PDB file of N, CA and C in Angstrom:
ATOM      1  N   UNK A   1       0.811  -1.184   0.000  1.00  0.00           N
ATOM      2  CA  UNK A   1       0.000   0.000   0.000  1.00  0.00           C
ATOM      3  C   UNK A   1       0.860   1.256   0.000  1.00  0.00           C
ATOM      4  N   UNK A   2       2.145   1.095  -0.202  1.00  0.00           N
ATOM      5  CA  UNK A   2       3.046   2.247  -0.190  1.00  0.00           C
ATOM      6  C   UNK A   2       2.699   3.228  -1.300  1.00  0.00           C
ATOM      7  N   UNK A   3       2.286   2.726  -2.454  1.00  0.00           N
ATOM      8  CA  UNK A   3       1.966   3.634  -3.557  1.00  0.00           C
ATOM      9  C   UNK A   3       0.742   4.482  -3.246  1.00  0.00           C
ATOM     10  N   UNK A   4      -0.249   3.898  -2.615  1.00  0.00           N
ATOM     11  CA  UNK A   4      -1.451   4.650  -2.257  1.00  0.00           C
ATOM     12  C   UNK A   4      -1.134   5.645  -1.152  1.00  0.00           C
ATOM     13  N   UNK A   5      -0.332   5.238  -0.172  1.00  0.00           N
ATOM     14  CA  UNK A   5       0.043   6.163   0.895  1.00  0.00           C
ATOM     15  C   UNK A   5       0.842   7.337   0.335  1.00  0.00           C
ATOM     16  N   UNK A   6       1.725   7.055  -0.627  1.00  0.00           N
ATOM     17  CA  UNK A   6       2.479   8.131  -1.264  1.00  0.00           C
ATOM     18  C   UNK A   6       1.571   9.062  -2.034  1.00  0.00           C
ATOM     19  N   UNK A   7       0.578   8.505  -2.712  1.00  0.00           N
ATOM     20  CA  UNK A   7      -0.374   9.326  -3.457  1.00  0.00           C
ATOM     21  C   UNK A   7      -1.175  10.213  -2.520  1.00  0.00           C
ATOM     22  N   UNK A   8      -1.579   9.666  -1.375  1.00  0.00           N
ATOM     23  CA  UNK A   8      -2.310  10.482  -0.405  1.00  0.00           C
ATOM     24  C   UNK A   8      -1.451  11.630   0.103  1.00  0.00           C
ATOM     25  N   UNK A   9      -0.162  11.362   0.321  1.00  0.00           N
ATOM     26  CA  UNK A   9       0.743  12.400   0.821  1.00  0.00           C
ATOM     27  C   UNK A   9       0.967  13.496  -0.219  1.00  0.00           C
ATOM     28  N   UNK A  10       1.151  13.099  -1.483  1.00  0.00           N
ATOM     29  CA  UNK A  10       1.431  14.069  -2.542  1.00  0.00           C
ATOM     30  C   UNK A  10       0.217  14.944  -2.827  1.00  0.00           C
ATOM     31  N   UNK A  11      -0.959  14.351  -2.864  1.00  0.00           N
ATOM     32  CA  UNK A  11      -2.157  15.113  -3.213  1.00  0.00           C
ATOM     33  C   UNK A  11      -2.826  15.761  -2.009  1.00  0.00           C
ATOM     34  N   UNK A  12      -2.340  15.480  -0.813  1.00  0.00           N
ATOM     35  CA  UNK A  12      -2.910  16.025   0.434  1.00  0.00           C
ATOM     36  C   UNK A  12      -4.404  15.720   0.538  1.00  0.00           C
ATOM     37  N   UNK A  13      -4.796  14.549   0.086  1.00  0.00           N
ATOM     38  CA  UNK A  13      -6.205  14.173   0.173  1.00  0.00           C
ATOM     39  C   UNK A  13      -6.371  13.095   1.230  1.00  0.00           C
ATOM     40  N   UNK A  14      -7.555  13.000   1.752  1.00  0.00           N
ATOM     41  CA  UNK A  14      -7.830  11.950   2.731  1.00  0.00           C
ATOM     42  C   UNK A  14      -8.742  10.918   2.075  1.00  0.00           C
ATOM     43  N   UNK A  15      -8.240   9.712   2.010  1.00  0.00           N
ATOM     44  CA  UNK A  15      -9.005   8.603   1.460  1.00  0.00           C
ATOM     45  C   UNK A  15      -9.305   7.628   2.583  1.00  0.00           C
ATOM     46  N   UNK A  16     -10.507   7.087   2.589  1.00  0.00           N
ATOM     47  CA  UNK A  16     -10.799   6.086   3.594  1.00  0.00           C
ATOM     48  C   UNK A  16     -10.135   4.761   3.208  1.00  0.00           C
ATOM     49  N   UNK A  17     -10.217   3.796   4.090  1.00  0.00           N
ATOM     50  CA  UNK A  17      -9.536   2.524   3.858  1.00  0.00           C
ATOM     51  C   UNK A  17     -10.070   1.813   2.623  1.00  0.00           C
ATOM     52  N   UNK A  18     -11.372   1.850   2.404  1.00  0.00           N
ATOM     53  CA  UNK A  18     -11.959   1.185   1.247  1.00  0.00           C
ATOM     54  C   UNK A  18     -11.430   1.781  -0.054  1.00  0.00           C
ATOM     55  N   UNK A  19     -11.339   3.101  -0.128  1.00  0.00           N
ATOM     56  CA  UNK A  19     -10.832   3.756  -1.331  1.00  0.00           C
ATOM     57  C   UNK A  19      -9.359   3.415  -1.547  1.00  0.00           C
ATOM     58  N   UNK A  20      -8.604   3.329  -0.476  1.00  0.00           N
ATOM     59  CA  UNK A  20      -7.188   2.971  -0.596  1.00  0.00           C
ATOM     60  C   UNK A  20      -7.019   1.560  -1.135  1.00  0.00           C
ATOM     61  N   UNK A  21      -7.802   0.627  -0.636  1.00  0.00           N
ATOM     62  CA  UNK A  21      -7.717  -0.764  -1.102  1.00  0.00           C
ATOM     63  C   UNK A  21      -8.147  -0.851  -2.560  1.00  0.00           C
ATOM     64  N   UNK A  22      -9.204  -0.146  -2.915  1.00  0.00           N
ATOM     65  CA  UNK A  22      -9.672  -0.165  -4.295  1.00  0.00           C
ATOM     66  C   UNK A  22      -8.626   0.411  -5.244  1.00  0.00           C
ATOM     67  N   UNK A  23      -7.972   1.498  -4.837  1.00  0.00           N
ATOM     68  CA  UNK A  23      -6.921   2.078  -5.676  1.00  0.00           C
ATOM     69  C   UNK A  23      -5.764   1.111  -5.842  1.00  0.00           C
ATOM     70  N   UNK A  24      -5.413   0.397  -4.781  1.00  0.00           N
ATOM     71  CA  UNK A  24      -4.316  -0.568  -4.850  1.00  0.00           C
ATOM     72  C   UNK A  24      -4.653  -1.692  -5.836  1.00  0.00           C
ATOM     73  N   UNK A  25      -5.882  -2.174  -5.822  1.00  0.00           N
ATOM     74  CA  UNK A  25      -6.301  -3.204  -6.773  1.00  0.00           C
ATOM     75  C   UNK A  25      -6.262  -2.680  -8.206  1.00  0.00           C
ATOM     76  N   UNK A  26      -6.695  -1.444  -8.408  1.00  0.00           N
ATOM     77  CA  UNK A  26      -6.680  -0.868  -9.750  1.00  0.00           C
ATOM     78  C   UNK A  26      -5.256  -0.697 -10.271  1.00  0.00           C
ATOM     79  N   UNK A  27      -4.352  -0.260  -9.407  1.00  0.00           N
ATOM     80  CA  UNK A  27      -2.954  -0.125  -9.815  1.00  0.00           C
ATOM     81  C   UNK A  27      -2.394  -1.482 -10.195  1.00  0.00           C
ATOM     82  N   UNK A  28      -2.700  -2.504  -9.412  1.00  0.00           N
ATOM     83  CA  UNK A  28      -2.248  -3.857  -9.722  1.00  0.00           C
ATOM     84  C   UNK A  28      -2.800  -4.367 -11.037  1.00  0.00           C
ATOM     85  N   UNK A  29      -4.050  -4.064 -11.333  1.00  0.00           N
ATOM     86  CA  UNK A  29      -4.666  -4.497 -12.583  1.00  0.00           C
ATOM     87  C   UNK A  29      -3.997  -3.832 -13.781  1.00  0.00           C
ATOM     88  N   UNK A  30      -3.712  -2.549 -13.673  1.00  0.00           N
ATOM     89  CA  UNK A  30      -3.059  -1.824 -14.766  1.00  0.00           C
ATOM     90  C   UNK A  30      -1.654  -2.365 -15.013  1.00  0.00           C
ATOM     91  N   UNK A  31      -0.918  -2.604 -13.939  1.00  0.00           N
ATOM     92  CA  UNK A  31       0.437  -3.142 -14.084  1.00  0.00           C
ATOM     93  C   UNK A  31       0.388  -4.527 -14.711  1.00  0.00           C
ATOM     94  N   UNK A  32      -0.537  -5.360 -14.284  1.00  0.00           N
ATOM     95  CA  UNK A  32      -0.668  -6.704 -14.843  1.00  0.00           C
ATOM     96  C   UNK A  32      -1.005  -6.641 -16.332  1.00  0.00           C
ATOM     97  N   UNK A  33      -1.885  -5.737 -16.721  1.00  0.00           N
ATOM     98  CA  UNK A  33      -2.245  -5.598 -18.129  1.00  0.00           C
ATOM     99  C   UNK A  33      -1.037  -5.167 -18.957  1.00  0.00           C
ATOM    100  N   UNK A  34      -0.243  -4.252 -18.427  1.00  0.00           N
ATOM    101  CA  UNK A  34       0.947  -3.801 -19.146  1.00  0.00           C
ATOM    102  C   UNK A  34       1.947  -4.936 -19.321  1.00  0.00           C
ATOM    103  N   UNK A  35       2.096  -5.756 -18.308  1.00  0.00           N
ATOM    104  CA  UNK A  35       3.012  -6.902 -18.400  1.00  0.00           C
ATOM    105  C   UNK A  35       2.537  -7.871 -19.477  1.00  0.00           C
ATOM    106  N   UNK A  36       1.237  -8.116 -19.554  1.00  0.00           N
ATOM    107  CA  UNK A  36       0.709  -9.027 -20.572  1.00  0.00           C
ATOM    108  C   UNK A  36       0.968  -8.499 -21.982  1.00  0.00           C
ATOM    109  N   UNK A  37       0.761  -7.210 -22.195  1.00  0.00           N
ATOM    110  CA  UNK A  37       0.986  -6.619 -23.519  1.00  0.00           C
ATOM    111  C   UNK A  37       2.459  -6.684 -23.894  1.00  0.00           C
ATOM    112  N   UNK A  38       3.325  -6.320 -22.971  1.00  0.00           N
ATOM    113  CA  UNK A  38       4.763  -6.334 -23.262  1.00  0.00           C
ATOM    114  C   UNK A  38       5.257  -7.750 -23.509  1.00  0.00           C
ATOM    115  N   UNK A  39       4.763  -8.717 -22.741  1.00  0.00           N
ATOM    116  CA  UNK A  39       5.169 -10.109 -22.943  1.00  0.00           C
ATOM    117  C   UNK A  39       4.740 -10.608 -24.315  1.00  0.00           C
ATOM    118  N   UNK A  40       3.523 -10.282 -24.722  1.00  0.00           N
ATOM    119  CA  UNK A  40       3.035 -10.706 -26.036  1.00  0.00           C
ATOM    120  C   UNK A  40       3.850 -10.044 -27.149  1.00  0.00           C
ATOM    121  N   UNK A  41       4.166  -8.772 -26.974  1.00  0.00           N
ATOM    122  CA  UNK A  41       4.982  -8.067 -27.966  1.00  0.00           C
ATOM    123  C   UNK A  41       6.378  -8.682 -28.057  1.00  0.00           C
ATOM    124  N   UNK A  42       6.955  -9.042 -26.920  1.00  0.00           N
ATOM    125  CA  UNK A  42       8.282  -9.668 -26.925  1.00  0.00           C
ATOM    126  C   UNK A  42       8.263 -10.998 -27.667  1.00  0.00           C
ATOM    127  N   UNK A  43       7.193 -11.764 -27.507  1.00  0.00           N
ATOM    128  CA  UNK A  43       7.065 -13.033 -28.235  1.00  0.00           C
ATOM    129  C   UNK A  43       6.992 -12.782 -29.738  1.00  0.00           C
ATOM    130  N   UNK A  44       6.240 -11.764 -30.137  1.00  0.00           N
ATOM    131  CA  UNK A  44       6.118 -11.460 -31.560  1.00  0.00           C
ATOM    132  C   UNK A  44       7.451 -10.971 -32.139  1.00  0.00           C
ATOM    133  N   UNK A  45       8.201 -10.210 -31.362  1.00  0.00           N
ATOM    134  CA  UNK A  45       9.513  -9.738 -31.821  1.00  0.00           C
ATOM    135  C   UNK A  45      10.457 -10.921 -32.001  1.00  0.00           C
ATOM    136  N   UNK A  46      10.414 -11.898 -31.083  1.00  0.00           N
ATOM    137  CA  UNK A  46      11.245 -13.099 -31.219  1.00  0.00           C
ATOM    138  C   UNK A  46      10.889 -13.895 -32.464  1.00  0.00           C
ATOM    139  N   UNK A  47       9.621 -13.805 -32.877  1.00  0.00           N
ATOM    140  CA  UNK A  47       9.180 -14.499 -34.089  1.00  0.00           C
ATOM    141  C   UNK A  47       9.569 -13.741 -35.351  1.00  0.00           C
ATOM    142  N   UNK A  48      10.147 -12.544 -35.200  1.00  0.00           N
ATOM    143  CA  UNK A  48      10.641 -11.805 -36.351  1.00  0.00           C
ATOM    144  C   UNK A  48       9.841 -10.593 -36.779  1.00  0.00           C
ATOM    145  N   UNK A  49       8.836 -10.213 -36.014  1.00  0.00           N
ATOM    146  CA  UNK A  49       8.024  -9.051 -36.358  1.00  0.00           C
ATOM    147  C   UNK A  49       8.757  -7.778 -35.921  1.00  0.00           C
ATOM    148  N   UNK A  50       8.674  -6.700 -36.696  1.00  0.00           N
ATOM    149  CA  UNK A  50       9.289  -5.428 -36.280  1.00  0.00           C
ATOM    150  C   UNK A  50       8.682  -4.938 -34.957  1.00  0.00           C
ATOM    151  N   UNK A  51       9.475  -4.276 -34.105  1.00  0.00           N
ATOM    152  CA  UNK A  51       8.995  -3.881 -32.772  1.00  0.00           C
ATOM    153  C   UNK A  51       7.728  -3.010 -32.768  1.00  0.00           C
ATOM    154  N   UNK A  52       7.644  -2.027 -33.644  1.00  0.00           N
ATOM    155  CA  UNK A  52       6.455  -1.170 -33.675  1.00  0.00           C
ATOM    156  C   UNK A  52       5.198  -1.941 -34.033  1.00  0.00           C
ATOM    157  N   UNK A  53       5.314  -2.777 -35.039  1.00  0.00           N
ATOM    158  CA  UNK A  53       4.173  -3.597 -35.453  1.00  0.00           C
ATOM    159  C   UNK A  53       3.819  -4.620 -34.379  1.00  0.00           C
ATOM    160  N   UNK A  54       4.847  -5.153 -33.715  1.00  0.00           N
ATOM    161  CA  UNK A  54       4.610  -6.134 -32.653  1.00  0.00           C
ATOM    162  C   UNK A  54       3.833  -5.509 -31.497  1.00  0.00           C
ATOM    163  N   UNK A  55       4.191  -4.270 -31.140  1.00  0.00           N
ATOM    164  CA  UNK A  55       3.489  -3.611 -30.037  1.00  0.00           C
ATOM    165  C   UNK A  55       2.037  -3.317 -30.406  1.00  0.00           C
ATOM    166  N   UNK A  56       1.800  -2.837 -31.627  1.00  0.00           N
ATOM    167  CA  UNK A  56       0.417  -2.576 -32.052  1.00  0.00           C
ATOM    168  C   UNK A  56      -0.402  -3.853 -32.103  1.00  0.00           C
ATOM    169  N   UNK A  57       0.199  -4.930 -32.608  1.00  0.00           N
ATOM    170  CA  UNK A  57      -0.503  -6.209 -32.675  1.00  0.00           C
ATOM    171  C   UNK A  57      -0.805  -6.726 -31.270  1.00  0.00           C
ATOM    172  N   UNK A  58       0.178  -6.630 -30.376  1.00  0.00           N
ATOM    173  CA  UNK A  58      -0.027  -7.106 -29.003  1.00  0.00           C
ATOM    174  C   UNK A  58      -1.126  -6.319 -28.308  1.00  0.00           C
ATOM    175  N   UNK A  59      -1.153  -5.000 -28.494  1.00  0.00           N
ATOM    176  CA  UNK A  59      -2.195  -4.189 -27.864  1.00  0.00           C
ATOM    177  C   UNK A  59      -3.567  -4.532 -28.440  1.00  0.00           C
ATOM    178  N   UNK A  60      -3.625  -4.795 -29.735  1.00  0.00           N
ATOM    179  CA  UNK A  60      -4.896  -5.154 -30.364  1.00  0.00           C
ATOM    180  C   UNK A  60      -5.407  -6.485 -29.848  1.00  0.00           C
ATOM    181  N   UNK A  61      -4.509  -7.455 -29.750  1.00  0.00           N
ATOM    182  CA  UNK A  61      -4.904  -8.802 -29.320  1.00  0.00           C
ATOM    183  C   UNK A  61      -5.265  -8.819 -27.837  1.00  0.00           C
ATOM    184  N   UNK A  62      -4.511  -8.113 -27.007  1.00  0.00           N
ATOM    185  CA  UNK A  62      -4.713  -8.157 -25.557  1.00  0.00           C
ATOM    186  C   UNK A  62      -5.774  -7.175 -25.061  1.00  0.00           C
ATOM    187  N   UNK A  63      -6.264  -6.286 -25.914  1.00  0.00           N
ATOM    188  CA  UNK A  63      -7.206  -5.255 -25.466  1.00  0.00           C
ATOM    189  C   UNK A  63      -8.493  -5.852 -24.913  1.00  0.00           C
ATOM    190  N   UNK A  64      -9.104  -6.753 -25.626  1.00  0.00           N
ATOM    191  CA  UNK A  64     -10.389  -7.309 -25.204  1.00  0.00           C
ATOM    192  C   UNK A  64     -10.285  -8.049 -23.860  1.00  0.00           C
ATOM    193  N   UNK A  65      -9.295  -8.960 -23.697  1.00  0.00           N
ATOM    194  CA  UNK A  65      -9.207  -9.619 -22.373  1.00  0.00           C
ATOM    195  C   UNK A  65      -8.943  -8.638 -21.224  1.00  0.00           C
ATOM    196  N   UNK A  66      -8.162  -7.593 -21.488  1.00  0.00           N
ATOM    197  CA  UNK A  66      -7.894  -6.613 -20.440  1.00  0.00           C
ATOM    198  C   UNK A  66      -9.171  -5.871 -20.070  1.00  0.00           C
ATOM    199  N   UNK A  67      -9.962  -5.483 -21.039  1.00  0.00           N
ATOM    200  CA  UNK A  67     -11.206  -4.775 -20.775  1.00  0.00           C
ATOM    201  C   UNK A  67     -12.184  -5.691 -20.041  1.00  0.00           C
ATOM    202  N   UNK A  68     -12.198  -6.968 -20.399  1.00  0.00           N
ATOM    203  CA  UNK A  68     -13.111  -7.901 -19.733  1.00  0.00           C
ATOM    204  C   UNK A  68     -12.708  -8.140 -18.278  1.00  0.00           C
ATOM    205  N   UNK A  69     -11.406  -8.072 -17.982  1.00  0.00           N
ATOM    206  CA  UNK A  69     -10.947  -8.271 -16.617  1.00  0.00           C
ATOM    207  C   UNK A  69     -11.302  -7.079 -15.746  1.00  0.00           C
ATOM    208  N   UNK A  70     -11.149  -5.886 -16.296  1.00  0.00           N
ATOM    209  CA  UNK A  70     -11.407  -4.696 -15.486  1.00  0.00           C
ATOM    210  C   UNK A  70     -12.837  -4.403 -15.575  1.00  0.00           C
TER     211      UNK A  70
END
């Protein structure tokens, strides 16, 4: 919860415990989604696809599952 506590300190806002836990889950979900996209792009690059095209393809393929999770 260090990231949420840091955010509370920087923004000088008071969040209750429920809001802090919810923010922590959302941060974790975003990080997990980014890892999935980067991993898929890395696999495509290993298969010989150019990096820019690999990233666009990975984002296109992973977009729907990420939206369904969140």
